[in-house]
Every structure is written in structure tokens, then in C-alpha cells.
PDB file of N, CA and C in Angstrom:
ATOM      1  N   UNK A   1     -25.603  14.813 -20.284  1.00  0.00           N
ATOM      2  CA  UNK A   1     -24.487  14.406 -19.480  1.00  0.00           C
ATOM      3  C   UNK A   1     -24.488  15.175 -18.177  1.00  0.00           C
ATOM      4  N   UNK A   2     -24.173  14.495 -17.102  1.00  0.00           N
ATOM      5  CA  UNK A   2     -24.112  15.089 -15.768  1.00  0.00           C
ATOM      6  C   UNK A   2     -22.820  14.683 -15.142  1.00  0.00           C
ATOM      7  N   UNK A   3     -22.009  15.681 -14.708  1.00  0.00           N
ATOM      8  CA  UNK A   3     -20.812  15.360 -13.925  1.00  0.00           C
ATOM      9  C   UNK A   3     -20.979  16.005 -12.553  1.00  0.00           C
ATOM     10  N   UNK A   4     -21.008  15.172 -11.539  1.00  0.00           N
ATOM     11  CA  UNK A   4     -21.240  15.672 -10.185  1.00  0.00           C
ATOM     12  C   UNK A   4     -19.975  15.689  -9.376  1.00  0.00           C
ATOM     13  N   UNK A   5     -19.659  16.813  -8.721  1.00  0.00           N
ATOM     14  CA  UNK A   5     -18.472  16.859  -7.851  1.00  0.00           C
ATOM     15  C   UNK A   5     -18.683  16.295  -6.445  1.00  0.00           C
ATOM     16  N   UNK A   6     -19.958  15.972  -6.153  1.00  0.00           N
ATOM     17  CA  UNK A   6     -20.245  15.574  -4.787  1.00  0.00           C
ATOM     18  C   UNK A   6     -21.213  14.379  -4.642  1.00  0.00           C
ATOM     19  N   UNK A   7     -21.650  13.766  -5.662  1.00  0.00           N
ATOM     20  CA  UNK A   7     -22.602  12.687  -5.564  1.00  0.00           C
ATOM     21  C   UNK A   7     -21.959  11.446  -5.079  1.00  0.00           C
ATOM     22  N   UNK A   8     -22.270  10.936  -3.931  1.00  0.00           N
ATOM     23  CA  UNK A   8     -21.571   9.733  -3.350  1.00  0.00           C
ATOM     24  C   UNK A   8     -22.525   8.546  -3.224  1.00  0.00           C
ATOM     25  N   UNK A   9     -23.786   8.665  -3.558  1.00  0.00           N
ATOM     26  CA  UNK A   9     -24.707   7.588  -3.388  1.00  0.00           C
ATOM     27  C   UNK A   9     -24.305   6.354  -4.211  1.00  0.00           C
ATOM     28  N   UNK A  10     -24.281   5.189  -3.600  1.00  0.00           N
ATOM     29  CA  UNK A  10     -23.968   3.968  -4.374  1.00  0.00           C
ATOM     30  C   UNK A  10     -25.018   3.706  -5.471  1.00  0.00           C
ATOM     31  N   UNK A  11     -26.195   4.249  -5.395  1.00  0.00           N
ATOM     32  CA  UNK A  11     -27.194   4.041  -6.413  1.00  0.00           C
ATOM     33  C   UNK A  11     -26.815   4.557  -7.762  1.00  0.00           C
ATOM     34  N   UNK A  12     -25.947   5.567  -7.778  1.00  0.00           N
ATOM     35  CA  UNK A  12     -25.517   6.143  -9.029  1.00  0.00           C
ATOM     36  C   UNK A  12     -24.754   5.120  -9.868  1.00  0.00           C
ATOM     37  N   UNK A  13     -24.078   4.229  -9.218  1.00  0.00           N
ATOM     38  CA  UNK A  13     -23.286   3.250  -9.907  1.00  0.00           C
ATOM     39  C   UNK A  13     -24.144   2.335 -10.828  1.00  0.00           C
ATOM     40  N   UNK A  14     -25.369   1.997 -10.364  1.00  0.00           N
ATOM     41  CA  UNK A  14     -26.232   1.144 -11.077  1.00  0.00           C
ATOM     42  C   UNK A  14     -27.310   1.759 -11.879  1.00  0.00           C
ATOM     43  N   UNK A  15     -27.188   3.110 -12.139  1.00  0.00           N
ATOM     44  CA  UNK A  15     -28.182   3.820 -12.919  1.00  0.00           C
ATOM     45  C   UNK A  15     -28.255   3.322 -14.361  1.00  0.00           C
ATOM     46  N   UNK A  16     -29.419   3.295 -14.884  1.00  0.00           N
ATOM     47  CA  UNK A  16     -29.602   2.995 -16.309  1.00  0.00           C
ATOM     48  C   UNK A  16     -29.623   4.385 -17.038  1.00  0.00           C
ATOM     49  N   UNK A  17     -28.388   4.919 -17.253  1.00  0.00           N
ATOM     50  CA  UNK A  17     -28.259   6.291 -17.718  1.00  0.00           C
ATOM     51  C   UNK A  17     -27.469   6.389 -19.032  1.00  0.00           C
ATOM     52  N   UNK A  18     -27.271   5.274 -19.686  1.00  0.00           N
ATOM     53  CA  UNK A  18     -26.498   5.257 -20.966  1.00  0.00           C
ATOM     54  C   UNK A  18     -25.086   5.863 -20.739  1.00  0.00           C
ATOM     55  N   UNK A  19     -24.513   5.646 -19.562  1.00  0.00           N
ATOM     56  CA  UNK A  19     -23.232   6.160 -19.223  1.00  0.00           C
ATOM     57  C   UNK A  19     -23.101   7.694 -19.391  1.00  0.00           C
ATOM     58  N   UNK A  20     -24.120   8.354 -18.954  1.00  0.00           N
ATOM     59  CA  UNK A  20     -24.135   9.849 -19.051  1.00  0.00           C
ATOM     60  C   UNK A  20     -24.024  10.545 -17.681  1.00  0.00           C
ATOM     61  N   UNK A  21     -23.907   9.778 -16.593  1.00  0.00           N
ATOM     62  CA  UNK A  21     -23.741  10.378 -15.276  1.00  0.00           C
ATOM     63  C   UNK A  21     -22.402   9.958 -14.733  1.00  0.00           C
ATOM     64  N   UNK A  22     -21.639  10.986 -14.310  1.00  0.00           N
ATOM     65  CA  UNK A  22     -20.264  10.720 -13.783  1.00  0.00           C
ATOM     66  C   UNK A  22     -20.099  11.370 -12.463  1.00  0.00           C
ATOM     67  N   UNK A  23     -19.219  10.877 -11.611  1.00  0.00           N
ATOM     68  CA  UNK A  23     -18.860  11.594 -10.395  1.00  0.00           C
ATOM     69  C   UNK A  23     -17.363  11.670 -10.261  1.00  0.00           C
ATOM     70  N   UNK A  24     -16.909  12.612  -9.528  1.00  0.00           N
ATOM     71  CA  UNK A  24     -15.436  12.851  -9.376  1.00  0.00           C
ATOM     72  C   UNK A  24     -14.963  12.508  -7.955  1.00  0.00           C
ATOM     73  N   UNK A  25     -15.858  11.968  -7.143  1.00  0.00           N
ATOM     74  CA  UNK A  25     -15.482  11.517  -5.795  1.00  0.00           C
ATOM     75  C   UNK A  25     -15.945  10.059  -5.627  1.00  0.00           C
ATOM     76  N   UNK A  26     -15.371   9.338  -4.728  1.00  0.00           N
ATOM     77  CA  UNK A  26     -15.755   7.929  -4.539  1.00  0.00           C
ATOM     78  C   UNK A  26     -17.136   7.785  -3.939  1.00  0.00           C
ATOM     79  N   UNK A  27     -17.749   6.599  -4.246  1.00  0.00           N
ATOM     80  CA  UNK A  27     -19.091   6.389  -3.703  1.00  0.00           C
ATOM     81  C   UNK A  27     -18.997   6.064  -2.192  1.00  0.00           C
ATOM     82  N   UNK A  28     -20.175   6.168  -1.506  1.00  0.00           N
ATOM     83  CA  UNK A  28     -20.228   5.818  -0.103  1.00  0.00           C
ATOM     84  C   UNK A  28     -19.779   4.394   0.143  1.00  0.00           C
ATOM     85  N   UNK A  29     -20.089   3.505  -0.802  1.00  0.00           N
ATOM     86  CA  UNK A  29     -19.718   2.083  -0.622  1.00  0.00           C
ATOM     87  C   UNK A  29     -18.207   1.978  -0.513  1.00  0.00           C
ATOM     88  N   UNK A  30     -17.459   2.678  -1.359  1.00  0.00           N
ATOM     89  CA  UNK A  30     -16.014   2.631  -1.275  1.00  0.00           C
ATOM     90  C   UNK A  30     -15.502   3.312   0.018  1.00  0.00           C
ATOM     91  N   UNK A  31     -16.071   4.481   0.322  1.00  0.00           N
ATOM     92  CA  UNK A  31     -15.618   5.202   1.508  1.00  0.00           C
ATOM     93  C   UNK A  31     -15.853   4.448   2.781  1.00  0.00           C
ATOM     94  N   UNK A  32     -17.019   3.800   2.878  1.00  0.00           N
ATOM     95  CA  UNK A  32     -17.332   3.012   4.112  1.00  0.00           C
ATOM     96  C   UNK A  32     -16.373   1.853   4.246  1.00  0.00           C
ATOM     97  N   UNK A  33     -16.114   1.119   3.204  1.00  0.00           N
ATOM     98  CA  UNK A  33     -15.190  -0.003   3.298  1.00  0.00           C
ATOM     99  C   UNK A  33     -13.810   0.434   3.636  1.00  0.00           C
ATOM    100  N   UNK A  34     -13.397   1.535   3.022  1.00  0.00           N
ATOM    101  CA  UNK A  34     -12.043   2.059   3.272  1.00  0.00           C
ATOM    102  C   UNK A  34     -11.872   2.535   4.744  1.00  0.00           C
ATOM    103  N   UNK A  35     -12.867   3.152   5.265  1.00  0.00           N
ATOM    104  CA  UNK A  35     -12.813   3.614   6.661  1.00  0.00           C
ATOM    105  C   UNK A  35     -12.734   2.429   7.602  1.00  0.00           C
ATOM    106  N   UNK A  36     -13.591   1.370   7.281  1.00  0.00           N
ATOM    107  CA  UNK A  36     -13.539   0.145   8.073  1.00  0.00           C
ATOM    108  C   UNK A  36     -12.198  -0.537   8.065  1.00  0.00           C
ATOM    109  N   UNK A  37     -11.602  -0.606   6.890  1.00  0.00           N
ATOM    110  CA  UNK A  37     -10.239  -1.210   6.750  1.00  0.00           C
ATOM    111  C   UNK A  37      -9.201  -0.399   7.567  1.00  0.00           C
ATOM    112  N   UNK A  38      -9.279   0.968   7.513  1.00  0.00           N
ATOM    113  CA  UNK A  38      -8.357   1.750   8.235  1.00  0.00           C
ATOM    114  C   UNK A  38      -8.530   1.503   9.772  1.00  0.00           C
ATOM    115  N   UNK A  39      -9.759   1.469  10.249  1.00  0.00           N
ATOM    116  CA  UNK A  39      -9.999   1.227  11.689  1.00  0.00           C
ATOM    117  C   UNK A  39      -9.445  -0.111  12.107  1.00  0.00           C
ATOM    118  N   UNK A  40      -9.665  -1.127  11.264  1.00  0.00           N
ATOM    119  CA  UNK A  40      -9.196  -2.482  11.575  1.00  0.00           C
ATOM    120  C   UNK A  40      -7.614  -2.489  11.644  1.00  0.00           C
ATOM    121  N   UNK A  41      -6.990  -1.770  10.659  1.00  0.00           N
ATOM    122  CA  UNK A  41      -5.541  -1.739  10.655  1.00  0.00           C
ATOM    123  C   UNK A  41      -4.982  -1.032  11.859  1.00  0.00           C
ATOM    124  N   UNK A  42      -5.782  -0.178  12.489  1.00  0.00           N
ATOM    125  CA  UNK A  42      -5.349   0.549  13.690  1.00  0.00           C
ATOM    126  C   UNK A  42      -5.674  -0.246  14.961  1.00  0.00           C
ATOM    127  N   UNK A  43      -6.243  -1.471  14.773  1.00  0.00           N
ATOM    128  CA  UNK A  43      -6.473  -2.324  15.933  1.00  0.00           C
ATOM    129  C   UNK A  43      -7.903  -2.293  16.499  1.00  0.00           C
ATOM    130  N   UNK A  44      -8.793  -1.527  15.878  1.00  0.00           N
ATOM    131  CA  UNK A  44     -10.150  -1.426  16.360  1.00  0.00           C
ATOM    132  C   UNK A  44     -10.969  -2.612  15.767  1.00  0.00           C
ATOM    133  N   UNK A  45     -11.808  -3.212  16.649  1.00  0.00           N
ATOM    134  CA  UNK A  45     -12.667  -4.334  16.186  1.00  0.00           C
ATOM    135  C   UNK A  45     -14.131  -3.974  16.297  1.00  0.00           C
ATOM    136  N   UNK A  46     -14.459  -2.904  17.039  1.00  0.00           N
ATOM    137  CA  UNK A  46     -15.828  -2.424  17.214  1.00  0.00           C
ATOM    138  C   UNK A  46     -15.927  -0.955  16.928  1.00  0.00           C
ATOM    139  N   UNK A  47     -16.963  -0.520  16.234  1.00  0.00           N
ATOM    140  CA  UNK A  47     -17.165   0.891  15.993  1.00  0.00           C
ATOM    141  C   UNK A  47     -18.634   1.244  16.245  1.00  0.00           C
ATOM    142  N   UNK A  48     -18.826   2.469  16.498  1.00  0.00           N
ATOM    143  CA  UNK A  48     -20.179   3.030  16.656  1.00  0.00           C
ATOM    144  C   UNK A  48     -20.269   4.227  15.713  1.00  0.00           C
ATOM    145  N   UNK A  49     -21.391   4.424  15.084  1.00  0.00           N
ATOM    146  CA  UNK A  49     -21.552   5.579  14.199  1.00  0.00           C
ATOM    147  C   UNK A  49     -22.705   6.423  14.679  1.00  0.00           C
ATOM    148  N   UNK A  50     -22.587   7.692  14.482  1.00  0.00           N
ATOM    149  CA  UNK A  50     -23.685   8.616  14.694  1.00  0.00           C
ATOM    150  C   UNK A  50     -23.830   9.413  13.366  1.00  0.00           C
ATOM    151  N   UNK A  51     -25.045   9.710  12.980  1.00  0.00           N
ATOM    152  CA  UNK A  51     -25.248  10.429  11.726  1.00  0.00           C
ATOM    153  C   UNK A  51     -26.587  11.111  11.763  1.00  0.00           C
ATOM    154  N   UNK A  52     -26.707  12.153  10.909  1.00  0.00           N
ATOM    155  CA  UNK A  52     -27.973  12.849  10.731  1.00  0.00           C
ATOM    156  C   UNK A  52     -28.880  11.956   9.933  1.00  0.00           C
ATOM    157  N   UNK A  53     -30.088  11.798  10.296  1.00  0.00           N
ATOM    158  CA  UNK A  53     -31.022  10.885   9.611  1.00  0.00           C
ATOM    159  C   UNK A  53     -31.571  11.593   8.329  1.00  0.00           C
ATOM    160  N   UNK A  54     -30.758  11.693   7.292  1.00  0.00           N
ATOM    161  CA  UNK A  54     -31.202  12.247   6.041  1.00  0.00           C
ATOM    162  C   UNK A  54     -30.552  11.426   4.891  1.00  0.00           C
ATOM    163  N   UNK A  55     -30.978  11.673   3.692  1.00  0.00           N
ATOM    164  CA  UNK A  55     -30.511  10.887   2.547  1.00  0.00           C
ATOM    165  C   UNK A  55     -28.978  10.919   2.376  1.00  0.00           C
ATOM    166  N   UNK A  56     -28.383  12.074   2.608  1.00  0.00           N
ATOM    167  CA  UNK A  56     -26.943  12.207   2.423  1.00  0.00           C
ATOM    168  C   UNK A  56     -26.157  11.289   3.426  1.00  0.00           C
ATOM    169  N   UNK A  57     -26.478  11.405   4.666  1.00  0.00           N
ATOM    170  CA  UNK A  57     -25.782  10.708   5.696  1.00  0.00           C
ATOM    171  C   UNK A  57     -26.128   9.240   5.796  1.00  0.00           C
ATOM    172  N   UNK A  58     -27.366   8.901   5.525  1.00  0.00           N
ATOM    173  CA  UNK A  58     -27.843   7.521   5.629  1.00  0.00           C
ATOM    174  C   UNK A  58     -27.078   6.621   4.654  1.00  0.00           C
ATOM    175  N   UNK A  59     -26.727   7.136   3.464  1.00  0.00           N
ATOM    176  CA  UNK A  59     -26.030   6.343   2.457  1.00  0.00           C
ATOM    177  C   UNK A  59     -24.729   5.815   2.961  1.00  0.00           C
ATOM    178  N   UNK A  60     -23.952   6.620   3.667  1.00  0.00           N
ATOM    179  CA  UNK A  60     -22.668   6.160   4.195  1.00  0.00           C
ATOM    180  C   UNK A  60     -22.896   5.247   5.401  1.00  0.00           C
ATOM    181  N   UNK A  61     -23.869   5.576   6.221  1.00  0.00           N
ATOM    182  CA  UNK A  61     -24.147   4.746   7.418  1.00  0.00           C
ATOM    183  C   UNK A  61     -24.583   3.332   7.017  1.00  0.00           C
ATOM    184  N   UNK A  62     -25.346   3.207   5.934  1.00  0.00           N
ATOM    185  CA  UNK A  62     -25.822   1.871   5.507  1.00  0.00           C
ATOM    186  C   UNK A  62     -24.740   0.990   4.966  1.00  0.00           C
ATOM    187  N   UNK A  63     -23.654   1.532   4.609  1.00  0.00           N
ATOM    188  CA  UNK A  63     -22.506   0.718   4.136  1.00  0.00           C
ATOM    189  C   UNK A  63     -21.954  -0.023   5.261  1.00  0.00           C
TER     190      UNK A  63
END
């Protein structure tokens, strides 16, 4: 069993792990959609993102 306090990769959701991997924070997929909804509710229709080109940051950017 693995419980991660910081794993946000959407790939964790689809792991074939016999339900032995858990996370206590939302996935990047949820965070990205939520940030977009917040921006839209504030009247923004266009966004630009900057990010470090590494595995951690690319996951959120790709959402």
C-alpha cells in the first residue's frame, strides 16, 4: 500500500494497482479544470501558462 501526500499525476487514477495506491490531494486533471472554471467565472476567456519543463509541471500544463 502506498499513500502519497503529493502525487498529482492523472496517471495514478488509471493504475492497475489492485487499489493499493492512494493520494490525499487532487489530481492535476481536477486542479486544471477547477482553475479554468475559476478564471472563466472571473470573466477571463484567454489564458497563458508558463511552467518548468519537467514531469511535475508538465502534468498540470497538459490538462
